C-alpha cells in the first residue's frame, strides 16, 4: 500500500528497528545446559565462542551436534543488513495486512485488488523469503534442528505459515483478483433500491458508468450535471457518501433538489456477495489469523526457554 509509511504503528516499529539494542546472555541457557556462562561466551562478554556458536546453531540443544553446516554460513558482516531487511520488510508486509484487514476491512477490495498493494505484497514475499533463507542457513546447522529442538520446531512452524501466506496470496492475485475485477465492468442497480458502500462504489461516473452520490440516507443521480463531469466535483468523488462533506461545503444541500433520487443508502446494509467475493473474504481473514499466529510463534521463539 502506497501510504503504508503513514501508519503510526509502522512508524513506531521502524524507529525501534533503528535504535541500538543491548545483547544479553540468558541465565536460562546456563540452567538448561548446567554449564557455566564461560563455556559458550568469551570471558566477561556476550560474544559467543566456538562452543556457543555450535550450541546456537544446534537449536539450543546440549550437547550441540557439532559438525559443519550443509551450506556455508553467510559472512557475519552481512548478517545485520540481511536481518534488518528481513525484519523491516516483514513488519511492512504483516503490518499492512493487519491494517487492511482490521481497519479498512476486506470489503474495500471486493471490486478488485489495488495494484500498489499487490506489488507491495509480492515484493515483500520475495525479500522476506530470500533474507529468511540466508538467515536460516547461517543459523541452523542441520535438518535435525527443525525436528529435535523446540527452537527449531517453532522456526519450522514460522516457515510453514510463511509459505501458506505466499501460496494464498498468489492464489488471490492470479485466480481471485481477475474475477473481482470482472464485476466492475458495469454498475448494477440493486433491485430493492437500497445501496450500501460497496454497491454505491460502482457508480463512480467513470468509463461510461452513472455517477451517484449519497446524502442523508438517500442516493442521487448526478450523471447529467455539468458540475459532475467524469464523476468529480472539485474534491468530491461520485460513488461515495458525501453527507459530512456537503455539510462543510460553501453551498447548501439545495443543489441536490434538482437531482433525481434513485434509492436509499445504508452503511450497515450489505447485499449478497458473489462466490469469489466470499472466497476472498475467507482467505483474507484466514491470513489475518495466520499473521497473529506468526507473532505468537515469534514471541515463544524469542522468549521461551
Protein backbone atom coordinates (compact mmCIF):
# COMPACT_ATOMS: atom_id res chain seq x y z
CA UNK A 1 0.00 0.00 0.00
CA UNK A 2 1.40 3.35 -1.01
CA UNK A 3 0.52 5.05 2.26
CA UNK A 4 1.92 2.32 4.49
CA UNK A 5 4.60 4.59 5.95
CA UNK A 6 1.87 6.88 7.28
CA UNK A 7 0.58 4.24 9.63
CA UNK A 8 1.57 5.29 13.16
CA UNK A 9 2.36 1.80 14.39
CA UNK A 10 4.62 1.13 11.39
CA UNK A 11 6.45 4.37 12.02
CA UNK A 12 6.96 3.38 15.65
CA UNK A 13 8.26 -0.05 14.71
CA UNK A 14 10.55 1.44 12.08
CA UNK A 15 12.04 3.80 14.68
CA UNK A 16 12.52 0.93 17.12
CA UNK A 17 14.46 -1.00 14.49
CA UNK A 18 16.89 1.87 14.16
CA UNK A 19 17.53 2.16 17.88
CA UNK A 20 20.62 0.45 19.29
CA UNK A 21 19.93 -2.60 21.41
CA UNK A 22 21.84 -4.33 24.19
CA UNK A 23 22.66 -8.02 23.91
CA UNK A 24 22.13 -10.14 26.98
CA UNK A 25 23.29 -13.59 27.95
CA UNK A 26 20.33 -15.56 29.28
CA UNK A 27 20.89 -17.34 32.61
CA UNK A 28 18.20 -19.79 31.47
CA UNK A 29 20.66 -21.23 28.97
CA UNK A 30 23.15 -21.91 31.75
CA UNK A 31 20.46 -23.56 33.87
CA UNK A 32 19.24 -25.65 30.94
CA UNK A 33 22.71 -26.87 29.97
CA UNK A 34 24.07 -27.00 33.54
CA UNK A 35 27.16 -25.28 32.21
CA UNK A 36 28.87 -22.06 33.23
CA UNK A 37 28.45 -18.96 31.08
CA UNK A 38 32.11 -19.07 30.05
CA UNK A 39 31.52 -22.39 28.30
CA UNK A 40 29.68 -20.58 25.50
CA UNK A 41 30.85 -16.98 25.93
CA UNK A 42 34.17 -15.27 25.89
CA UNK A 43 35.12 -14.25 29.41
CA UNK A 44 33.02 -11.26 30.65
CA UNK A 45 31.49 -10.85 27.20
CA UNK A 46 28.25 -11.60 25.37
CA UNK A 47 30.28 -12.67 22.32
CA UNK A 48 29.96 -16.38 21.61
CA UNK A 49 32.98 -18.63 21.45
CA UNK A 50 33.03 -21.68 19.10
CA UNK A 51 31.12 -23.81 21.63
CA UNK A 52 28.45 -21.12 21.95
CA UNK A 53 28.12 -20.88 18.19
CA UNK A 54 27.71 -24.67 18.00
CA UNK A 55 25.07 -24.50 20.76
CA UNK A 56 23.06 -21.76 18.99
CA UNK A 57 23.39 -23.44 15.58
CA UNK A 58 22.10 -26.70 17.08
CA UNK A 59 18.81 -25.11 18.12
CA UNK A 60 19.97 -24.67 21.73
CA UNK A 61 20.32 -28.41 22.27
CA UNK A 62 23.01 -29.52 24.69
CA UNK A 63 25.39 -31.03 23.91
CA UNK A 64 25.47 -29.43 20.44
CA UNK A 65 25.50 -31.71 17.42
CA UNK A 66 28.75 -30.29 16.06
CA UNK A 67 29.93 -30.90 12.52
CA UNK A 68 29.54 -28.50 9.63
CA UNK A 69 26.69 -26.61 8.01
CA UNK A 70 25.25 -28.33 4.91
CA UNK A 71 25.55 -24.90 3.25
CA UNK A 72 28.27 -22.48 4.24
CA UNK A 73 27.05 -19.71 6.58
CA UNK A 74 26.72 -16.18 5.24
CA UNK A 75 29.53 -13.79 6.06
CA UNK A 76 28.92 -12.37 9.53
CA UNK A 77 29.43 -8.78 8.38
CA UNK A 78 26.41 -9.07 6.05
CA UNK A 79 24.03 -10.54 8.63
CA UNK A 80 22.98 -7.21 10.25
CA UNK A 81 21.90 -5.80 6.86
CA UNK A 82 20.14 -9.04 5.90
CA UNK A 83 18.45 -9.17 9.30
CA UNK A 84 17.33 -5.55 9.01
CA UNK A 85 15.80 -6.15 5.57
CA UNK A 86 14.08 -9.29 6.84
CA UNK A 87 12.56 -7.59 9.89
CA UNK A 88 11.69 -4.32 8.18
CA UNK A 89 10.05 -5.97 5.17
CA UNK A 90 8.24 -8.45 7.40
CA UNK A 91 6.86 -5.65 9.58
CA UNK A 92 5.82 -3.71 6.47
CA UNK A 93 4.08 -6.73 4.95
CA UNK A 94 2.41 -8.12 8.07
CA UNK A 95 1.63 -4.63 9.42
CA UNK A 96 -0.15 -3.77 6.19
CA UNK A 97 -2.18 -6.99 6.43
CA UNK A 98 -3.24 -6.08 9.97
CA UNK A 99 -4.18 -2.53 8.98
CA UNK A 100 -6.08 -3.54 5.85
CA UNK A 101 -7.99 -6.40 7.48
CA UNK A 102 -8.81 -4.73 10.81
CA UNK A 103 -9.25 -1.06 9.87
CA UNK A 104 -10.19 -0.97 6.17
CA UNK A 105 -11.82 -4.42 6.12
CA UNK A 106 -11.66 -6.72 3.05
CA UNK A 107 -14.78 -5.10 1.55
CA UNK A 108 -12.66 -2.26 0.19
CA UNK A 109 -11.05 -4.66 -2.31
CA UNK A 110 -14.15 -6.60 -3.31
CA UNK A 111 -14.16 -4.89 -6.71
CA UNK A 112 -10.51 -5.61 -7.47
CA UNK A 113 -7.12 -5.71 -5.76
CA UNK A 114 -5.27 -2.36 -5.67
CA UNK A 115 -2.16 -2.62 -7.86
CA UNK A 116 0.06 -0.84 -5.33
CA UNK A 117 -0.77 -3.34 -2.61
CA UNK A 118 -0.27 -6.28 -4.96
CA UNK A 119 3.23 -5.01 -5.82
CA UNK A 120 3.99 -4.42 -2.14
CA UNK A 121 2.78 -7.89 -1.18
CA UNK A 122 4.70 -9.74 -3.89
CA UNK A 123 7.86 -7.70 -3.31
CA UNK A 124 7.68 -8.29 0.44
CA UNK A 125 7.18 -12.03 -0.02
CA UNK A 126 10.29 -12.24 -2.20
CA UNK A 127 12.51 -10.18 0.10
CA UNK A 128 11.32 -11.95 3.26
CA UNK A 129 11.86 -15.31 1.57
CA UNK A 130 15.38 -14.60 0.31
CA UNK A 131 16.58 -12.97 3.53
CA UNK A 132 14.91 -15.73 5.57
CA UNK A 133 16.79 -18.40 3.65
CA UNK A 134 20.11 -16.59 4.16
CA UNK A 135 19.47 -16.12 7.87
CA UNK A 136 18.40 -19.73 8.31
CA UNK A 137 21.43 -21.29 6.63
CA UNK A 138 23.63 -19.01 8.73
CA UNK A 139 21.98 -20.05 11.98
CA UNK A 140 20.84 -23.67 11.55
CA UNK A 141 23.49 -26.36 11.39
CA UNK A 142 21.39 -29.26 10.11
CA UNK A 143 17.89 -30.56 9.37
CA UNK A 144 17.71 -32.29 12.75
CA UNK A 145 17.43 -28.86 14.39
CA UNK A 146 13.94 -28.49 12.90
CA UNK A 147 12.74 -31.82 14.32
CA UNK A 148 14.64 -32.34 17.57
CA UNK A 149 14.56 -28.93 19.27
CA UNK A 150 11.78 -26.62 20.45
CA UNK A 151 13.56 -23.64 18.87
CA UNK A 152 13.71 -25.48 15.55
CA UNK A 153 10.07 -26.62 15.80
CA UNK A 154 8.95 -23.01 16.18
CA UNK A 155 11.14 -21.89 13.28
CA UNK A 156 9.70 -24.66 11.10
CA UNK A 157 6.18 -23.57 12.05
CA UNK A 158 7.01 -19.95 11.14
CA UNK A 159 8.40 -21.02 7.77
CA UNK A 160 5.32 -23.18 7.10
CA UNK A 161 2.98 -20.27 7.80
CA UNK A 162 5.07 -18.01 5.58
CA UNK A 163 4.74 -20.50 2.71
CA UNK A 164 0.98 -20.73 3.35
CA UNK A 165 0.68 -16.93 3.17
CA UNK A 166 2.67 -16.88 -0.06
CA UNK A 167 0.51 -19.57 -1.67
CA UNK A 168 -2.74 -17.95 -0.57
CA UNK A 169 -1.51 -14.54 -1.76
CA UNK A 170 -0.57 -15.89 -5.18
CA UNK A 171 -3.90 -17.70 -5.42
CA UNK A 172 -5.78 -14.46 -4.72
CA UNK A 173 -3.67 -12.44 -7.18
CA UNK A 174 -3.76 -15.00 -10.00
CA UNK A 175 -7.25 -16.50 -9.70
CA UNK A 176 -9.46 -14.40 -7.39
CA UNK A 177 -8.28 -10.91 -8.37
CA UNK A 178 -9.26 -11.16 -12.07
CA UNK A 179 -12.72 -12.45 -11.08
CA UNK A 180 -13.21 -9.50 -8.72
CA UNK A 181 -12.23 -7.03 -11.45
CA UNK A 182 -14.70 -8.57 -13.90
CA UNK A 183 -17.56 -7.41 -11.69
CA UNK A 184 -16.63 -3.74 -12.14
CA UNK A 185 -17.38 -3.51 -15.87
CA UNK A 186 -20.89 -2.11 -15.44
CA UNK A 187 -22.67 -0.63 -12.45
CA UNK A 188 -25.67 -2.70 -11.40
CA UNK A 189 -28.65 -1.07 -9.72
CA UNK A 190 -29.96 -3.07 -6.76
CA UNK A 191 -33.48 -4.33 -7.35
CA UNK A 192 -34.67 -3.18 -3.93
CA UNK A 193 -33.25 0.32 -4.42
CA UNK A 194 -31.08 0.01 -1.33
CA UNK A 195 -27.42 0.98 -1.75
CA UNK A 196 -24.56 0.11 0.55
CA UNK A 197 -20.94 1.41 0.39
CA UNK A 198 -19.81 -1.38 -1.92
CA UNK A 199 -22.79 -1.11 -4.27
CA UNK A 200 -22.56 2.68 -4.47
CA UNK A 201 -18.84 2.47 -5.22
CA UNK A 202 -19.64 1.13 -8.71
CA UNK A 203 -21.44 4.35 -9.67
CA UNK A 204 -18.32 6.48 -9.93
CA UNK A 205 -19.04 8.18 -13.26
CA UNK A 206 -16.01 6.65 -14.99
CA UNK A 207 -15.87 4.57 -18.19
CA UNK A 208 -19.50 5.30 -19.03
CA UNK A 209 -20.89 4.35 -15.62
CA UNK A 210 -23.53 6.58 -13.96
CA UNK A 211 -22.44 9.00 -11.22
CA UNK A 212 -24.34 8.57 -7.96
CA UNK A 213 -23.74 10.18 -4.58
CA UNK A 214 -25.29 9.54 -1.18
CA UNK A 215 -26.53 12.26 1.17
CA UNK A 216 -28.53 11.94 4.39
CA UNK A 217 -29.54 8.36 3.68
CA UNK A 218 -30.60 8.99 0.07
CA UNK A 219 -28.86 8.33 -3.26
CA UNK A 220 -28.90 10.94 -6.04
CA UNK A 221 -28.06 10.65 -9.74
CA UNK A 222 -25.67 13.47 -10.75
CA UNK A 223 -24.66 11.94 -14.07
CA UNK A 224 -26.17 14.68 -16.24
CA UNK A 225 -24.89 17.57 -14.14
CA UNK A 226 -22.19 19.71 -15.76
CA UNK A 227 -20.66 20.05 -12.30
CA UNK A 228 -20.03 16.31 -12.08
CA UNK A 229 -18.10 15.55 -15.26
CA UNK A 230 -16.35 12.16 -15.06
CA UNK A 231 -17.77 11.68 -11.59
CA UNK A 232 -15.76 14.50 -9.99
CA UNK A 233 -16.91 17.80 -8.49
CA UNK A 234 -13.88 19.73 -7.21
CA UNK A 235 -12.51 17.40 -4.49
CA UNK A 236 -15.68 15.30 -4.26
CA UNK A 237 -15.98 11.91 -5.93
CA UNK A 238 -19.07 10.09 -7.11
CA UNK A 239 -19.74 6.67 -5.66
CA UNK A 240 -19.34 7.93 -2.08
CA UNK A 241 -21.40 9.17 0.84
CA UNK A 242 -20.95 12.96 0.87
CA UNK A 243 -23.11 13.74 3.89
CA UNK A 244 -20.26 15.10 6.00
CA UNK A 245 -18.60 16.85 3.05
CA UNK A 246 -21.68 18.70 1.82
CA UNK A 247 -22.40 19.99 5.31
CA UNK A 248 -19.00 21.75 5.18
CA UNK A 249 -19.34 22.98 1.58
CA UNK A 250 -19.81 26.72 0.79
CA UNK A 251 -23.24 25.92 -0.68
CA UNK A 252 -26.20 24.21 1.00
CA UNK A 253 -27.86 20.95 0.07
CA UNK A 254 -30.32 22.88 -2.10
CA UNK A 255 -28.04 21.98 -5.02
CA UNK A 256 -29.38 18.43 -4.74
CA UNK A 257 -33.02 19.44 -5.14
CA UNK A 258 -32.80 19.24 -8.91
CA UNK A 259 -31.09 15.85 -8.85
CA UNK A 260 -33.01 12.62 -9.35
CA UNK A 261 -33.37 10.47 -6.27
CA UNK A 262 -32.69 6.85 -7.21
CA UNK A 263 -32.70 5.00 -3.90
CA UNK A 264 -31.81 4.86 -0.23
CA UNK A 265 -28.40 4.47 1.38
CA UNK A 266 -27.46 2.44 4.44
CA UNK A 267 -23.89 1.91 5.60
CA UNK A 268 -24.89 -1.18 7.57
CA UNK A 269 -26.84 -2.85 4.77
CA UNK A 270 -25.00 -5.44 2.72
CA UNK A 271 -26.06 -7.14 -0.47
CA UNK A 272 -25.19 -10.78 -1.01
CA UNK A 273 -21.64 -11.44 -2.12
CA UNK A 274 -20.57 -13.46 -5.14
CA UNK A 275 -18.76 -16.78 -4.69
CA UNK A 276 -15.39 -15.17 -5.47
CA UNK A 277 -16.05 -12.31 -3.05
CA UNK A 278 -16.94 -14.78 -0.29
CA UNK A 279 -13.78 -16.77 -1.02
CA UNK A 280 -11.75 -13.55 -0.94
CA UNK A 281 -13.21 -12.69 2.49
CA UNK A 282 -12.43 -16.17 3.82
CA UNK A 283 -8.82 -16.07 2.62
CA UNK A 284 -8.39 -12.51 3.92
CA UNK A 285 -9.47 -13.37 7.45
CA UNK A 286 -7.62 -16.69 7.34
CA UNK A 287 -4.45 -14.76 6.51
CA UNK A 288 -5.19 -12.38 9.38
CA UNK A 289 -5.36 -15.39 11.70
CA UNK A 290 -2.04 -16.68 10.34
CA UNK A 291 -0.38 -13.31 10.95
CA UNK A 292 -1.50 -13.39 14.60
CA UNK A 293 -0.12 -16.93 14.90
CA UNK A 294 3.20 -15.80 13.41
CA UNK A 295 3.58 -13.09 16.06
CA UNK A 296 2.69 -15.63 18.76
CA UNK A 297 5.32 -18.04 17.44
CA UNK A 298 7.93 -15.28 17.30
CA UNK A 299 7.15 -14.40 20.93
CA UNK A 300 7.71 -18.02 22.01
CA UNK A 301 10.69 -18.35 19.69
CA UNK A 302 12.48 -15.39 21.27
CA UNK A 303 11.47 -15.61 24.93
CA UNK A 304 10.63 -19.27 25.58
CA UNK A 305 13.48 -21.01 27.35
